[in-house]
Amino acid sequence: NDSSVTGTYFFLNDRLDFHDSELHRLLKWIEKGNSVFLIAENISPNLLDTLGLELEISFPKNSFSSKPMFNLTDKALQRKEPFLFDRETYQYVFSKYDSLQQKVLGISQLYSDSLASTEPKPNFLMDSIGKGAIYLNTSPKAFSNFFLLEDDNYEYAARALGYIPAEKTLYWDQYY
């Protein structure tokens, strides 16, 4: 409720359903120069509508595998081979976004007999709002113990979380 605090508001959940008044306050807080970092598979339709975004679930096209692979787009942060979530699961990606307004920070693709990214889809975006920014990542499984403890997958989480402004206070919300 205190809009005078500054920093980064962090959410890591399966689902985020913001009420309209709650979303309005959150966006006003971002406009003042703050950041919000959201990691969730299911993101509030009102937030998606406000930002002009749409989500879809990736389905295997040429194989039976639904193991997602993740990577970052920044050359300094990306890895030559993507990070593999070695378990059959579903993966949400952004099917609609504004490339002039939103910056793609990360991509995902389903594994198909190799670790080559041939048809990646955005799963991690940043959008500037006023003086602040909102970060949206649709892959909370990539921050789970199962994923982090496999191979060197902890590097994905470390690199993705590197977008959180270090000089600001971090507020972790477990409400959802």
Protein backbone atom coordinates (compact mmCIF):
# COMPACT_ATOMS: atom_id res chain seq x y z
CA ASN A 1 0.00 0.00 0.00
CA ASP A 2 2.93 2.37 0.53
CA SER A 3 3.63 3.85 -2.91
CA SER A 4 6.55 5.93 -1.59
CA VAL A 5 8.87 2.89 -1.42
CA THR A 6 11.13 2.29 -4.40
CA GLY A 7 12.82 -0.74 -5.86
CA THR A 8 11.96 -3.95 -7.66
CA TYR A 9 8.82 -5.94 -6.91
CA PHE A 10 9.46 -9.66 -7.56
CA PHE A 11 6.90 -12.41 -8.18
CA LEU A 12 7.69 -16.10 -8.84
CA ASN A 13 4.47 -18.07 -9.17
CA ASP A 14 2.52 -20.49 -11.31
CA ARG A 15 -0.29 -17.95 -11.75
CA LEU A 16 -0.64 -14.19 -11.30
CA ASP A 17 -4.17 -12.76 -11.34
CA PHE A 18 -4.12 -9.06 -10.61
CA HIS A 19 -7.39 -7.32 -9.86
CA ASP A 20 -7.88 -4.20 -12.04
CA SER A 21 -7.28 -1.78 -9.15
CA GLU A 22 -4.21 -3.73 -8.05
CA LEU A 23 -2.81 -3.70 -11.58
CA HIS A 24 -3.47 0.03 -11.93
CA ARG A 25 -1.48 0.76 -8.74
CA LEU A 26 1.33 -1.54 -9.85
CA LEU A 27 1.63 0.18 -13.24
CA LYS A 28 1.60 3.65 -11.59
CA TRP A 29 4.40 2.45 -9.29
CA ILE A 30 6.44 1.28 -12.31
CA GLU A 31 5.91 4.64 -14.07
CA LYS A 32 7.68 6.38 -11.16
CA GLY A 33 10.94 4.56 -12.00
CA ASN A 34 10.47 1.21 -10.27
CA SER A 35 10.73 -2.30 -11.69
CA VAL A 36 8.47 -5.33 -11.53
CA PHE A 37 9.85 -8.78 -12.29
CA LEU A 38 7.13 -11.37 -12.96
CA ILE A 39 7.79 -15.07 -13.48
CA ALA A 40 4.60 -17.07 -14.08
CA GLU A 41 3.02 -19.42 -16.58
CA ASN A 42 -0.42 -17.86 -16.29
CA ILE A 43 -0.34 -14.07 -16.34
CA SER A 44 -3.38 -11.87 -15.68
CA PRO A 45 -5.40 -11.30 -18.84
CA ASN A 46 -5.78 -7.62 -17.85
CA LEU A 47 -1.98 -7.21 -17.72
CA LEU A 48 -1.54 -9.03 -21.03
CA ASP A 49 -4.23 -6.81 -22.61
CA THR A 50 -2.67 -3.64 -21.20
CA LEU A 51 0.71 -4.54 -22.69
CA GLY A 52 -0.73 -5.93 -25.95
CA LEU A 53 0.57 -9.45 -25.28
CA GLU A 54 -0.80 -12.91 -25.93
CA LEU A 55 0.40 -16.30 -24.65
CA GLU A 56 0.23 -19.74 -26.18
CA ILE A 57 1.39 -23.20 -25.19
CA SER A 58 4.16 -24.71 -27.31
CA PHE A 59 3.29 -28.08 -28.82
CA PRO A 60 5.72 -30.51 -30.48
CA LYS A 61 5.58 -30.27 -34.27
CA ASN A 62 8.17 -32.73 -35.58
CA SER A 63 8.68 -34.98 -32.58
CA PHE A 64 6.94 -36.25 -29.49
CA SER A 65 9.14 -34.36 -27.07
CA SER A 66 7.76 -31.49 -25.06
CA LYS A 67 10.97 -30.78 -23.16
CA PRO A 68 11.55 -27.01 -23.25
CA MET A 69 14.92 -25.43 -23.92
CA PHE A 70 15.73 -21.92 -22.70
CA ASN A 71 18.27 -19.30 -23.62
CA LEU A 72 18.78 -15.56 -23.36
CA THR A 73 19.10 -13.25 -26.35
CA ASP A 74 21.80 -10.90 -25.07
CA LYS A 75 25.10 -12.13 -26.55
CA ALA A 76 26.87 -11.56 -23.22
CA LEU A 77 24.31 -13.69 -21.34
CA GLN A 78 23.33 -16.40 -23.81
CA ARG A 79 24.91 -19.81 -23.92
CA LYS A 80 26.03 -21.53 -27.11
CA GLU A 81 23.67 -24.44 -26.42
CA PRO A 82 20.34 -23.75 -24.74
CA PHE A 83 19.51 -24.92 -21.24
CA LEU A 84 17.37 -28.09 -21.41
CA PHE A 85 14.52 -28.81 -19.00
CA ASP A 86 14.87 -32.58 -19.17
CA ARG A 87 11.27 -33.45 -18.38
CA GLU A 88 8.17 -33.64 -20.54
CA THR A 89 6.03 -30.60 -19.73
CA TYR A 90 4.19 -27.75 -21.37
CA GLN A 91 5.73 -24.35 -22.04
CA TYR A 92 4.05 -20.97 -22.37
CA VAL A 93 5.53 -18.49 -24.84
CA PHE A 94 4.51 -15.07 -26.11
CA SER A 95 2.64 -15.47 -29.39
CA LYS A 96 1.97 -11.74 -29.76
CA TYR A 97 4.09 -8.80 -28.65
CA ASP A 98 5.15 -5.41 -29.97
CA SER A 99 8.78 -5.60 -31.06
CA LEU A 100 8.99 -1.79 -31.02
CA GLN A 101 7.72 -1.57 -27.43
CA GLN A 102 8.89 -4.82 -25.83
CA LYS A 103 12.40 -6.20 -25.88
CA VAL A 104 12.85 -9.97 -26.12
CA LEU A 105 15.29 -11.03 -23.39
CA GLY A 106 14.82 -14.80 -23.58
CA ILE A 107 13.60 -17.53 -25.88
CA SER A 108 12.22 -21.02 -25.55
CA GLN A 109 11.76 -23.92 -27.91
CA LEU A 110 10.82 -27.55 -27.49
CA TYR A 111 13.63 -30.07 -27.80
CA SER A 112 13.65 -31.89 -31.15
CA ASP A 113 16.53 -34.39 -31.36
CA SER A 114 19.18 -31.68 -30.87
CA LEU A 115 19.91 -28.62 -28.78
CA ALA A 116 19.80 -26.37 -31.85
CA SER A 117 17.31 -23.50 -31.61
CA THR A 118 15.61 -23.49 -34.98
CA GLU A 119 12.19 -21.99 -34.15
CA PRO A 120 12.55 -20.14 -30.85
CA LYS A 121 9.65 -18.20 -29.36
CA PRO A 122 9.94 -15.42 -26.76
CA ASN A 123 9.38 -16.47 -23.16
CA PHE A 124 11.06 -13.48 -21.47
CA LEU A 125 10.24 -9.85 -22.30
CA MET A 126 10.93 -6.38 -20.93
CA ASP A 127 8.62 -3.41 -21.43
CA SER A 128 9.40 0.17 -20.41
CA ILE A 129 6.59 1.95 -18.60
CA GLY A 130 7.22 5.59 -17.82
CA LYS A 131 10.57 5.77 -15.98
CA GLY A 132 10.42 2.10 -14.97
CA ALA A 133 10.26 -1.36 -16.48
CA ILE A 134 8.32 -4.60 -16.24
CA TYR A 135 9.99 -7.95 -16.89
CA LEU A 136 7.83 -10.96 -17.78
CA ASN A 137 9.15 -14.53 -17.86
CA THR A 138 6.75 -17.40 -18.60
CA SER A 139 9.01 -20.17 -17.29
CA PRO A 140 8.80 -20.58 -13.50
CA LYS A 141 9.91 -24.21 -13.91
CA ALA A 142 13.32 -22.85 -14.95
CA PHE A 143 13.65 -21.49 -11.40
CA SER A 144 12.65 -24.76 -9.71
CA ASN A 145 15.00 -27.10 -7.84
CA PHE A 146 14.50 -29.82 -10.44
CA PHE A 147 15.82 -27.56 -13.21
CA LEU A 148 18.45 -25.68 -11.19
CA LEU A 149 20.14 -28.84 -9.89
CA GLU A 150 20.52 -30.45 -13.35
CA ASP A 151 23.82 -29.96 -15.17
CA ASP A 152 24.69 -26.23 -15.18
CA ASN A 153 21.09 -25.01 -15.47
CA TYR A 154 21.47 -22.76 -12.43
CA GLU A 155 23.31 -20.46 -14.84
CA TYR A 156 20.04 -19.72 -16.67
CA ALA A 157 18.39 -18.47 -13.49
CA ALA A 158 21.47 -16.49 -12.49
CA ARG A 159 21.70 -14.83 -15.90
CA ALA A 160 17.96 -14.12 -16.15
CA LEU A 161 17.84 -12.67 -12.63
CA GLY A 162 20.80 -10.49 -13.61
CA TYR A 163 18.26 -8.12 -15.19
CA ILE A 164 17.02 -7.15 -11.73
CA PRO A 165 18.50 -3.69 -10.98
CA ALA A 166 21.17 -4.36 -8.34
CA GLU A 167 21.11 -0.85 -6.87
CA LYS A 168 17.43 -1.09 -5.87
CA THR A 169 15.72 -2.80 -2.97
CA LEU A 170 14.11 -6.12 -3.91
CA TYR A 171 10.59 -6.86 -2.61
CA TRP A 172 9.62 -10.53 -2.95
CA ASP A 173 5.87 -11.09 -2.95
CA GLN A 174 4.57 -14.53 -1.96
CA TYR A 175 0.92 -13.49 -1.84
CA TYR A 176 0.05 -15.37 -5.04
